[in-house]
């Protein structure tokens, strides 16, 4: 594990010298800005050099409001034009001529088929240096100056109702995580608190602070909408997968599928939502009921017995229908059509601070959680081969692709490459995106079985867990 940390430091040095100076707070980033472009009618070239966050506030707002793609894609002006083409839906990946992503990570993305004007997915991949927390006097708390940690970071952010929240999270969330991890420098062993639980807590806190920053800046910086967030942190031999939303991650290890996240939707979080509606009925505004019925209750059914379930129930029972049961259900619909307050289909994520029920002033944010579920995978417990990978995908992938189909694609694509060929993981990411997108036909984008392909934005990271190039 120590060697991996050293190799991380070496990676930082080889890519530009000493670690970046500590910013005053995550509110003032100094990381490279995402690659930006004007609206599709007139794409502009990417900047010659990455931004440093020191531009005038007005220009910063303008950049955040414009369409952007991850900087590591290194898109040319032509690439930017292809990135906004809903008809062609070209798959975009980092160029082979550029510096590879950490661990030879593979990445691919494609825009939606017209669902929204822009690709509202965003992505980030970084090696982040964590300085030790300093004491009040300014002296480091570590035994020797210059000590710190490095962590590897991958993030997918699926925006909705605009791309502002996803773009902001892609720029800043890893900085909030870095800020929280500084407290690890003063950790001392205690029975109740493990190192792992401190990392999990740091990630959870970072999500909350990111959400609070979006609330503060949603007007001045045009942070519209919200986003699901799926983040991976590798630190000291362990992989932490944090998910808030309906993106998902799986490990494919020796053909075995290991789920590393679950979707957070109105269906999967029904009881949490109902409990909140029960405890705080004022949030329902007299317009909704926290109870669930198999179907919408009609006025003529008053006084009749009907199946229902509340916040305490996993099964169903009967109750006599009363007047308040005629209100619209807090959770309605099934599967991908399930909605909270008939408005939003995800229950965890960042942003959405301005979201209201349609034709109402009733806010929905109180029912949405910014906290992720964090799952931990210990890389040191297994001998991983080059074909063992962690696959991250937005819902554009998982809506039309099963875990087993992803595992089959992993086996098919990686077996066609030499184990030490670092380009194999980009090829796998592209294959997964192409497989979910399908091919254009008379009746839309279709899969080989003639079912509809994904019309959503699709973004995929493939992170190798073993073999040459890992951990460096």
Protein backbone atom coordinates (compact mmCIF):
# COMPACT_ATOMS: atom_id res chain seq x y z
CA UNK A 1 0.00 0.00 0.00
CA UNK A 2 2.86 2.37 0.79
CA UNK A 3 4.29 1.74 -2.67
CA UNK A 4 0.97 2.75 -4.21
CA UNK A 5 0.98 6.04 -2.33
CA UNK A 6 4.58 6.66 -3.41
CA UNK A 7 3.68 5.90 -7.01
CA UNK A 8 0.82 8.39 -6.76
CA UNK A 9 3.24 11.08 -5.64
CA UNK A 10 5.57 10.13 -8.49
CA UNK A 11 2.68 10.47 -10.91
CA UNK A 12 2.00 13.97 -9.65
CA UNK A 13 5.63 14.97 -9.95
CA UNK A 14 5.92 13.57 -13.47
CA UNK A 15 2.84 15.52 -14.55
CA UNK A 16 3.98 18.94 -13.55
CA UNK A 17 6.00 19.14 -10.38
CA UNK A 18 4.91 19.57 -6.79
CA UNK A 19 1.32 19.15 -5.68
CA UNK A 20 -0.92 22.16 -6.31
CA UNK A 21 -1.05 24.78 -3.56
CA UNK A 22 -3.87 24.42 -1.10
CA UNK A 23 -6.78 26.72 -2.00
CA UNK A 24 -8.41 28.78 0.71
CA UNK A 25 -11.53 26.64 0.37
CA UNK A 26 -13.24 24.37 -2.17
CA UNK A 27 -15.28 27.45 -3.14
CA UNK A 28 -12.19 28.78 -4.95
CA UNK A 29 -11.02 26.00 -7.27
CA UNK A 30 -7.68 25.99 -9.00
CA UNK A 31 -8.26 22.78 -10.95
CA UNK A 32 -8.44 22.81 -14.75
CA UNK A 33 -11.89 23.82 -15.95
CA UNK A 34 -13.97 21.50 -18.12
CA UNK A 35 -13.60 21.97 -21.85
CA UNK A 36 -16.29 24.44 -22.86
CA UNK A 37 -18.11 25.25 -26.04
CA UNK A 38 -20.80 27.64 -27.15
CA UNK A 39 -24.25 26.28 -28.07
CA UNK A 40 -24.36 23.79 -30.97
CA UNK A 41 -25.05 26.45 -33.60
CA UNK A 42 -21.54 27.87 -33.21
CA UNK A 43 -19.10 25.66 -31.30
CA UNK A 44 -15.88 27.36 -30.39
CA UNK A 45 -12.43 25.90 -30.05
CA UNK A 46 -11.21 24.68 -26.69
CA UNK A 47 -8.88 27.06 -24.86
CA UNK A 48 -5.16 26.70 -25.51
CA UNK A 49 -4.54 26.14 -21.81
CA UNK A 50 -6.76 24.96 -19.00
CA UNK A 51 -8.30 27.62 -16.82
CA UNK A 52 -6.96 28.24 -13.34
CA UNK A 53 -10.09 29.56 -11.69
CA UNK A 54 -8.59 33.06 -11.48
CA UNK A 55 -10.75 34.61 -14.18
CA UNK A 56 -13.05 37.52 -13.43
CA UNK A 57 -16.37 36.49 -11.86
CA UNK A 58 -18.42 37.51 -14.90
CA UNK A 59 -16.35 35.29 -17.19
CA UNK A 60 -16.60 32.43 -14.71
CA UNK A 61 -20.38 32.65 -14.76
CA UNK A 62 -20.38 32.70 -18.56
CA UNK A 63 -18.14 29.62 -18.75
CA UNK A 64 -20.29 27.71 -16.29
CA UNK A 65 -23.43 28.53 -18.24
CA UNK A 66 -21.98 27.28 -21.55
CA UNK A 67 -21.83 23.71 -22.76
CA UNK A 68 -18.75 21.84 -21.54
CA UNK A 69 -17.16 18.43 -21.82
CA UNK A 70 -14.49 16.82 -19.59
CA UNK A 71 -11.08 18.37 -20.17
CA UNK A 72 -9.39 14.97 -20.41
CA UNK A 73 -11.26 14.32 -23.69
CA UNK A 74 -9.04 16.99 -25.32
CA UNK A 75 -11.68 17.61 -27.97
CA UNK A 76 -10.74 19.54 -31.10
CA UNK A 77 -13.22 22.04 -32.57
CA UNK A 78 -14.45 19.23 -34.81
CA UNK A 79 -14.75 16.93 -31.83
CA UNK A 80 -16.83 19.52 -30.01
CA UNK A 81 -19.18 19.73 -32.99
CA UNK A 82 -19.54 15.95 -33.05
CA UNK A 83 -20.16 15.95 -29.30
CA UNK A 84 -23.37 17.97 -29.76
CA UNK A 85 -24.68 16.09 -32.81
CA UNK A 86 -27.87 14.30 -31.76
CA UNK A 87 -28.25 12.65 -35.16
CA UNK A 88 -24.77 11.12 -35.48
CA UNK A 89 -24.22 10.40 -31.75
CA UNK A 90 -20.49 9.82 -32.18
CA UNK A 91 -18.74 8.08 -29.30
CA UNK A 92 -16.10 10.31 -27.68
CA UNK A 93 -13.01 9.02 -25.84
CA UNK A 94 -9.65 10.50 -24.79
CA UNK A 95 -7.13 10.48 -27.67
CA UNK A 96 -4.40 7.85 -27.82
CA UNK A 97 -1.83 10.62 -28.33
CA UNK A 98 -2.57 12.34 -25.02
CA UNK A 99 -1.54 11.44 -21.48
CA UNK A 100 -3.42 8.37 -20.32
CA UNK A 101 -5.88 8.55 -17.48
CA UNK A 102 -4.67 7.11 -14.14
CA UNK A 103 -4.53 3.29 -14.04
CA UNK A 104 -5.01 3.35 -17.85
CA UNK A 105 -8.69 3.94 -17.15
CA UNK A 106 -11.00 3.66 -20.14
CA UNK A 107 -13.69 6.26 -20.77
CA UNK A 108 -16.35 6.77 -23.42
CA UNK A 109 -19.47 8.90 -23.76
CA UNK A 110 -22.20 9.72 -26.24
CA UNK A 111 -24.86 12.43 -26.35
CA UNK A 112 -28.57 11.66 -26.11
CA UNK A 113 -30.86 11.26 -29.11
CA UNK A 114 -32.63 14.57 -28.57
CA UNK A 115 -33.88 14.14 -25.02
CA UNK A 116 -32.12 17.37 -24.03
CA UNK A 117 -30.23 20.05 -25.94
CA UNK A 118 -26.84 19.19 -24.48
CA UNK A 119 -25.10 16.17 -23.02
CA UNK A 120 -25.94 16.71 -19.35
CA UNK A 121 -23.55 13.99 -18.12
CA UNK A 122 -20.18 15.12 -16.78
CA UNK A 123 -17.08 13.21 -15.70
CA UNK A 124 -13.91 13.77 -13.72
CA UNK A 125 -10.75 11.70 -13.22
CA UNK A 126 -8.00 13.03 -10.96
CA UNK A 127 -5.03 12.16 -8.78
CA UNK A 128 -5.49 14.37 -5.70
CA UNK A 129 -2.86 15.26 -3.12
CA UNK A 130 -4.08 15.79 0.45
CA UNK A 131 -2.02 18.00 2.72
CA UNK A 132 -2.18 17.36 6.43
CA UNK A 133 -4.48 19.51 8.52
CA UNK A 134 -2.52 22.32 10.20
CA UNK A 135 -2.86 23.37 13.80
CA UNK A 136 -4.09 26.77 14.92
CA UNK A 137 -0.47 27.99 15.02
CA UNK A 138 -0.01 26.96 11.39
CA UNK A 139 2.40 24.11 12.13
CA UNK A 140 1.66 20.73 10.56
CA UNK A 141 0.23 18.13 12.89
CA UNK A 142 2.25 15.36 11.25
CA UNK A 143 5.58 14.34 12.72
CA UNK A 144 7.38 15.80 9.71
CA UNK A 145 6.51 18.54 7.28
CA UNK A 146 5.42 17.66 3.76
CA UNK A 147 3.62 14.48 4.71
CA UNK A 148 0.26 13.87 3.12
CA UNK A 149 -1.84 11.42 1.17
CA UNK A 150 -2.77 10.84 -2.43
CA UNK A 151 -6.07 9.45 -3.57
CA UNK A 152 -7.30 8.48 -7.00
CA UNK A 153 -10.69 9.81 -7.97
CA UNK A 154 -13.29 9.04 -10.64
CA UNK A 155 -16.70 10.71 -10.85
CA UNK A 156 -19.76 10.47 -13.10
CA UNK A 157 -22.46 13.12 -12.78
CA UNK A 158 -25.79 12.69 -14.56
CA UNK A 159 -27.51 16.06 -14.78
CA UNK A 160 -31.23 16.71 -15.10
CA UNK A 161 -33.19 19.89 -15.79
CA UNK A 162 -29.95 21.42 -17.06
CA UNK A 163 -26.26 20.64 -16.87
CA UNK A 164 -25.13 23.28 -14.38
CA UNK A 165 -25.19 21.09 -11.27
CA UNK A 166 -23.35 18.24 -12.97
CA UNK A 167 -20.67 20.59 -14.33
CA UNK A 168 -20.15 22.17 -10.93
CA UNK A 169 -19.94 18.81 -9.15
CA UNK A 170 -17.41 17.56 -11.71
CA UNK A 171 -15.20 20.58 -11.00
CA UNK A 172 -15.45 20.73 -7.24
CA UNK A 173 -16.60 17.56 -5.47
CA UNK A 174 -13.12 16.00 -5.33
CA UNK A 175 -11.88 19.21 -3.69
CA UNK A 176 -14.48 18.89 -0.96
CA UNK A 177 -13.37 15.29 -0.45
CA UNK A 178 -9.76 16.43 -0.26
CA UNK A 179 -10.69 19.02 2.37
CA UNK A 180 -12.46 16.41 4.49
CA UNK A 181 -9.62 13.88 4.20
CA UNK A 182 -7.20 16.34 5.78
CA UNK A 183 -8.58 15.24 9.13
CA UNK A 184 -7.05 11.79 8.60
CA UNK A 185 -3.67 13.28 9.47
CA UNK A 186 -4.66 13.63 13.12
CA UNK A 187 -6.40 10.26 13.38
CA UNK A 188 -5.39 8.03 16.25
CA UNK A 189 -6.49 4.44 16.66
CA UNK A 190 -9.68 4.01 18.67
CA UNK A 191 -11.78 0.92 19.20
CA UNK A 192 -14.98 2.45 17.87
CA UNK A 193 -13.57 4.43 14.93
CA UNK A 194 -11.68 2.76 12.11
CA UNK A 195 -9.67 4.40 9.38
CA UNK A 196 -12.20 3.09 6.85
CA UNK A 197 -15.16 4.68 8.65
CA UNK A 198 -13.36 8.04 8.69
CA UNK A 199 -12.88 7.89 4.92
CA UNK A 200 -16.55 7.00 4.45
CA UNK A 201 -17.55 9.90 6.70
CA UNK A 202 -15.29 12.27 4.80
CA UNK A 203 -16.95 11.32 1.51
CA UNK A 204 -20.43 11.68 2.99
CA UNK A 205 -19.58 15.10 4.42
CA UNK A 206 -18.11 16.21 1.10
CA UNK A 207 -21.37 15.40 -0.71
CA UNK A 208 -23.30 17.46 1.84
CA UNK A 209 -20.93 20.43 1.54
CA UNK A 210 -21.11 20.22 -2.26
CA UNK A 211 -24.90 20.35 -2.07
CA UNK A 212 -24.79 23.31 0.30
CA UNK A 213 -22.44 25.16 -2.04
CA UNK A 214 -24.88 24.59 -4.90
CA UNK A 215 -27.64 26.07 -2.74
CA UNK A 216 -25.54 29.19 -2.05
CA UNK A 217 -24.45 29.72 -5.64
CA UNK A 218 -27.46 28.54 -7.62
CA UNK A 219 -28.42 32.07 -8.71
CA UNK A 220 -25.14 33.90 -9.30
CA UNK A 221 -23.42 30.94 -10.99
CA UNK A 222 -26.49 29.66 -12.83
CA UNK A 223 -26.35 26.21 -11.23
CA UNK A 224 -29.61 25.00 -12.65
CA UNK A 225 -31.18 21.59 -12.07
CA UNK A 226 -29.54 18.77 -10.19
CA UNK A 227 -27.45 15.69 -10.79
CA UNK A 228 -26.93 12.12 -9.72
CA UNK A 229 -23.39 11.48 -8.49
CA UNK A 230 -21.37 8.26 -8.67
CA UNK A 231 -17.86 8.60 -7.26
CA UNK A 232 -14.94 6.22 -6.73
CA UNK A 233 -12.06 7.00 -4.35
CA UNK A 234 -9.02 4.74 -4.09
CA UNK A 235 -7.02 5.32 -0.91
CA UNK A 236 -4.50 3.07 0.84
CA UNK A 237 -5.53 -0.20 -0.74
CA UNK A 238 -9.30 0.27 -0.61
CA UNK A 239 -11.83 1.36 -3.21
CA UNK A 240 -14.73 3.48 -1.94
CA UNK A 241 -17.77 3.65 -4.24
CA UNK A 242 -20.22 6.43 -3.31
CA UNK A 243 -23.54 6.63 -5.10
CA UNK A 244 -26.36 9.15 -4.87
CA UNK A 245 -28.84 8.58 -7.70
CA UNK A 246 -29.56 5.98 -10.36
CA UNK A 247 -26.10 5.56 -11.87
CA UNK A 248 -24.48 2.24 -10.94
CA UNK A 249 -21.15 0.45 -10.54
CA UNK A 250 -20.19 -3.21 -10.69
CA UNK A 251 -16.94 -5.14 -10.37
CA UNK A 252 -16.35 -7.95 -12.83
CA UNK A 253 -13.74 -10.23 -11.26
CA UNK A 254 -12.85 -13.53 -12.91
CA UNK A 255 -16.29 -13.53 -14.52
CA UNK A 256 -18.04 -12.93 -11.18
CA UNK A 257 -20.29 -9.86 -10.82
CA UNK A 258 -19.98 -7.85 -7.60
CA UNK A 259 -22.53 -5.00 -7.29
CA UNK A 260 -20.91 -1.89 -5.82
CA UNK A 261 -23.97 0.35 -5.71
CA UNK A 262 -27.74 0.36 -5.97
CA UNK A 263 -30.21 2.74 -7.54
CA UNK A 264 -32.01 5.33 -5.42
CA UNK A 265 -35.45 5.86 -6.92
CA UNK A 266 -38.96 6.55 -5.60
CA UNK A 267 -39.53 2.80 -5.55
CA UNK A 268 -36.36 1.81 -3.70
CA UNK A 269 -36.75 4.63 -1.17
CA UNK A 270 -40.52 4.52 -0.80
CA UNK A 271 -40.50 3.92 2.97
CA UNK A 272 -38.02 6.73 3.67
CA UNK A 273 -40.13 9.18 1.68
CA UNK A 274 -43.37 8.03 3.31
CA UNK A 275 -41.88 8.30 6.78
CA UNK A 276 -40.83 11.89 6.13
CA UNK A 277 -44.31 12.70 4.81
CA UNK A 278 -45.84 11.09 7.89
CA UNK A 279 -43.60 12.92 10.37
CA UNK A 280 -43.83 16.29 8.57
CA UNK A 281 -47.24 16.44 6.87
CA UNK A 282 -46.73 20.15 6.19
CA UNK A 283 -44.27 19.14 3.46
CA UNK A 284 -47.16 17.55 1.60
CA UNK A 285 -49.00 20.89 1.48
CA UNK A 286 -52.44 19.30 1.69
CA UNK A 287 -51.95 18.18 -1.92
CA UNK A 288 -50.40 14.75 -1.37
CA UNK A 289 -50.87 11.70 0.83
CA UNK A 290 -47.95 9.69 2.21
CA UNK A 291 -49.95 6.46 1.80
CA UNK A 292 -49.56 4.23 -1.24
CA UNK A 293 -52.43 2.53 -3.06
CA UNK A 294 -52.28 0.10 -6.01
CA UNK A 295 -54.00 2.75 -8.13
CA UNK A 296 -55.39 6.28 -7.86
CA UNK A 297 -58.45 6.43 -5.58
CA UNK A 298 -61.67 7.81 -7.09
CA UNK A 299 -64.23 9.93 -5.16
CA UNK A 300 -66.89 7.28 -5.70
CA UNK A 301 -64.76 4.85 -3.67
CA UNK A 302 -65.07 6.82 -0.41
CA UNK A 303 -66.03 4.48 2.40
CA UNK A 304 -64.92 1.37 0.52
CA UNK A 305 -62.06 -0.89 1.62
CA UNK A 306 -58.91 -0.63 -0.48
CA UNK A 307 -55.41 -2.09 -0.40
CA UNK A 308 -52.75 0.29 0.92
CA UNK A 309 -49.34 0.42 2.61
CA UNK A 310 -47.64 3.05 4.73
CA UNK A 311 -44.10 3.85 5.84
CA UNK A 312 -43.91 0.80 8.13
CA UNK A 313 -45.13 -1.80 5.66
CA UNK A 314 -43.47 -3.95 3.03
CA UNK A 315 -46.69 -5.88 2.39
CA UNK A 316 -50.23 -4.70 1.73
CA UNK A 317 -53.36 -4.45 3.93
CA UNK A 318 -56.90 -3.05 3.67
CA UNK A 319 -58.23 0.25 4.97
CA UNK A 320 -61.45 2.22 4.67
CA UNK A 321 -61.00 5.05 2.18
CA UNK A 322 -61.32 8.52 3.72
CA UNK A 323 -61.43 11.98 2.18
CA UNK A 324 -57.68 12.67 2.58
CA UNK A 325 -56.91 9.44 0.71
CA UNK A 326 -58.16 11.14 -2.47
CA UNK A 327 -55.03 13.30 -2.51
CA UNK A 328 -52.32 12.54 -5.03
CA UNK A 329 -49.84 9.92 -3.75
CA UNK A 330 -46.39 11.11 -2.67
CA UNK A 331 -44.87 8.23 -4.66
CA UNK A 332 -46.64 7.28 -7.88
CA UNK A 333 -45.85 5.14 -10.90
CA UNK A 334 -43.69 2.06 -11.34
CA UNK A 335 -40.17 1.35 -12.55
CA UNK A 336 -38.54 4.17 -14.53
CA UNK A 337 -41.88 6.01 -14.53
CA UNK A 338 -42.04 6.27 -10.72
CA UNK A 339 -42.00 9.88 -9.50
CA UNK A 340 -41.82 11.83 -6.25
CA UNK A 341 -44.72 14.28 -6.15
CA UNK A 342 -45.32 13.46 -9.83
CA UNK A 343 -42.14 15.39 -10.67
CA UNK A 344 -38.74 13.67 -10.26
CA UNK A 345 -37.60 10.08 -10.74
CA UNK A 346 -34.49 10.05 -8.51
CA UNK A 347 -34.42 10.52 -4.75
CA UNK A 348 -30.72 11.16 -4.06
CA UNK A 349 -28.31 13.52 -5.71
CA UNK A 350 -26.95 17.06 -5.66
CA UNK A 351 -28.75 20.31 -6.41
CA UNK A 352 -32.47 20.62 -7.25
CA UNK A 353 -32.79 23.45 -4.74
CA UNK A 354 -35.30 25.33 -6.90
CA UNK A 355 -37.38 22.30 -7.85
CA UNK A 356 -41.11 22.73 -7.28
CA UNK A 357 -44.16 20.60 -7.94
CA UNK A 358 -45.61 21.46 -11.35
CA UNK A 359 -48.02 24.39 -11.15
CA UNK A 360 -47.32 24.73 -7.42
CA UNK A 361 -44.98 26.45 -4.99
CA UNK A 362 -44.46 23.22 -3.04
CA UNK A 363 -40.72 22.43 -2.83
CA UNK A 364 -39.51 18.88 -3.48
CA UNK A 365 -35.97 19.26 -2.13
CA UNK A 366 -36.89 18.19 1.46
CA UNK A 367 -37.61 14.70 0.13
CA UNK A 368 -34.33 14.45 -1.80
CA UNK A 369 -31.16 13.34 -0.01
CA UNK A 370 -27.68 14.47 -0.98
CA UNK A 371 -26.03 11.70 1.05
CA UNK A 372 -24.50 8.81 -0.88
CA UNK A 373 -24.38 5.17 0.04
CA UNK A 374 -20.70 4.21 0.27
CA UNK A 375 -19.52 0.65 -0.35
CA UNK A 376 -15.94 -0.45 0.27
CA UNK A 377 -13.87 -2.99 -1.64
CA UNK A 378 -10.47 -4.05 -0.29
CA UNK A 379 -8.10 -4.52 -3.23
CA UNK A 380 -5.47 -6.11 -1.02
CA UNK A 381 -7.66 -9.15 -0.26
CA UNK A 382 -7.47 -10.58 -3.79
CA UNK A 383 -4.96 -11.21 -6.54
CA UNK A 384 -6.48 -9.37 -9.48
CA UNK A 385 -5.71 -10.12 -13.10
CA UNK A 386 -5.74 -7.56 -15.96
CA UNK A 387 -9.29 -8.62 -16.91
CA UNK A 388 -10.74 -7.62 -13.52
CA UNK A 389 -12.44 -4.23 -13.85
CA UNK A 390 -14.72 -1.79 -12.07
CA UNK A 391 -17.38 -0.47 -14.47
CA UNK A 392 -19.14 2.83 -13.75
CA UNK A 393 -22.08 3.90 -15.87
CA UNK A 394 -24.84 6.49 -15.88
CA UNK A 395 -28.39 5.21 -16.26
CA UNK A 396 -28.09 5.57 -20.02
CA UNK A 397 -26.04 2.37 -19.88
CA UNK A 398 -28.02 0.42 -17.29
CA UNK A 399 -31.48 1.20 -18.68
CA UNK A 400 -30.84 -1.18 -21.59
CA UNK A 401 -27.90 -3.31 -20.39
CA UNK A 402 -27.92 -5.94 -17.64
CA UNK A 403 -25.02 -6.79 -15.34
CA UNK A 404 -24.60 -10.11 -17.15
CA UNK A 405 -24.45 -8.40 -20.53
CA UNK A 406 -21.78 -6.03 -19.24
CA UNK A 407 -19.76 -8.99 -17.90
CA UNK A 408 -20.07 -10.75 -21.27
CA UNK A 409 -18.81 -7.63 -23.07
CA UNK A 410 -15.90 -7.39 -20.62
CA UNK A 411 -14.87 -10.95 -21.47
CA UNK A 412 -15.37 -10.56 -25.23
CA UNK A 413 -13.49 -7.26 -25.62
CA UNK A 414 -10.60 -7.80 -23.21
CA UNK A 415 -9.87 -11.29 -24.56
CA UNK A 416 -9.20 -9.70 -27.96
CA UNK A 417 -6.30 -7.62 -26.57
CA UNK A 418 -2.97 -8.47 -25.03
CA UNK A 419 -3.13 -8.24 -21.22
CA UNK A 420 -0.49 -5.49 -21.13
CA UNK A 421 -2.15 -3.34 -23.81
CA UNK A 422 -3.43 -0.25 -21.95
CA UNK A 423 -5.79 0.69 -24.81
CA UNK A 424 -7.96 -2.36 -24.07
CA UNK A 425 -9.90 -0.52 -21.35
CA UNK A 426 -10.82 2.39 -23.61
CA UNK A 427 -11.95 -0.13 -26.22
CA UNK A 428 -14.12 -1.80 -23.58
CA UNK A 429 -15.69 1.51 -22.54
CA UNK A 430 -16.46 2.30 -26.18
CA UNK A 431 -17.97 -1.15 -26.72
CA UNK A 432 -20.26 -0.71 -23.70
CA UNK A 433 -21.43 2.70 -24.91
CA UNK A 434 -21.99 1.46 -28.46
CA UNK A 435 -23.85 -1.58 -27.18
CA UNK A 436 -26.25 0.59 -25.18
CA UNK A 437 -26.67 3.23 -27.90
CA UNK A 438 -27.46 0.81 -30.71
CA UNK A 439 -27.52 1.70 -34.39
CA UNK A 440 -29.82 4.14 -36.23
CA UNK A 441 -32.76 2.58 -38.05
CA UNK A 442 -36.08 3.73 -39.42
CA UNK A 443 -37.68 3.67 -35.97
CA UNK A 444 -34.89 5.15 -33.90
CA UNK A 445 -31.75 3.70 -32.33
CA UNK A 446 -32.04 -0.07 -32.10
CA UNK A 447 -30.14 -2.90 -30.42
CA UNK A 448 -29.27 -6.15 -32.26
CA UNK A 449 -32.46 -7.73 -30.85
CA UNK A 450 -34.44 -4.82 -32.38
CA UNK A 451 -35.32 -3.40 -28.96
CA UNK A 452 -34.92 0.34 -28.48
CA UNK A 453 -31.42 1.44 -27.57
CA UNK A 454 -30.79 4.09 -24.95
CA UNK A 455 -31.84 7.56 -26.06
CA UNK A 456 -30.23 9.06 -22.96
CA UNK A 457 -26.73 10.45 -22.48
CA UNK A 458 -24.38 7.52 -21.82
CA UNK A 459 -21.08 7.81 -19.92
CA UNK A 460 -18.84 4.91 -18.87
CA UNK A 461 -15.60 4.53 -16.91
CA UNK A 462 -13.72 1.20 -17.00
CA UNK A 463 -11.19 1.03 -14.15
CA UNK A 464 -8.73 -1.90 -14.26
CA UNK A 465 -8.11 -3.52 -10.89
CA UNK A 466 -5.05 -5.57 -11.79
CA UNK A 467 -2.25 -5.93 -14.29
CA UNK A 468 0.39 -3.55 -15.67
CA UNK A 469 -0.35 0.13 -15.23
CA UNK A 470 -2.52 -0.23 -12.15
CA UNK A 471 -1.93 2.00 -9.11
CA UNK A 472 0.42 4.29 -10.98
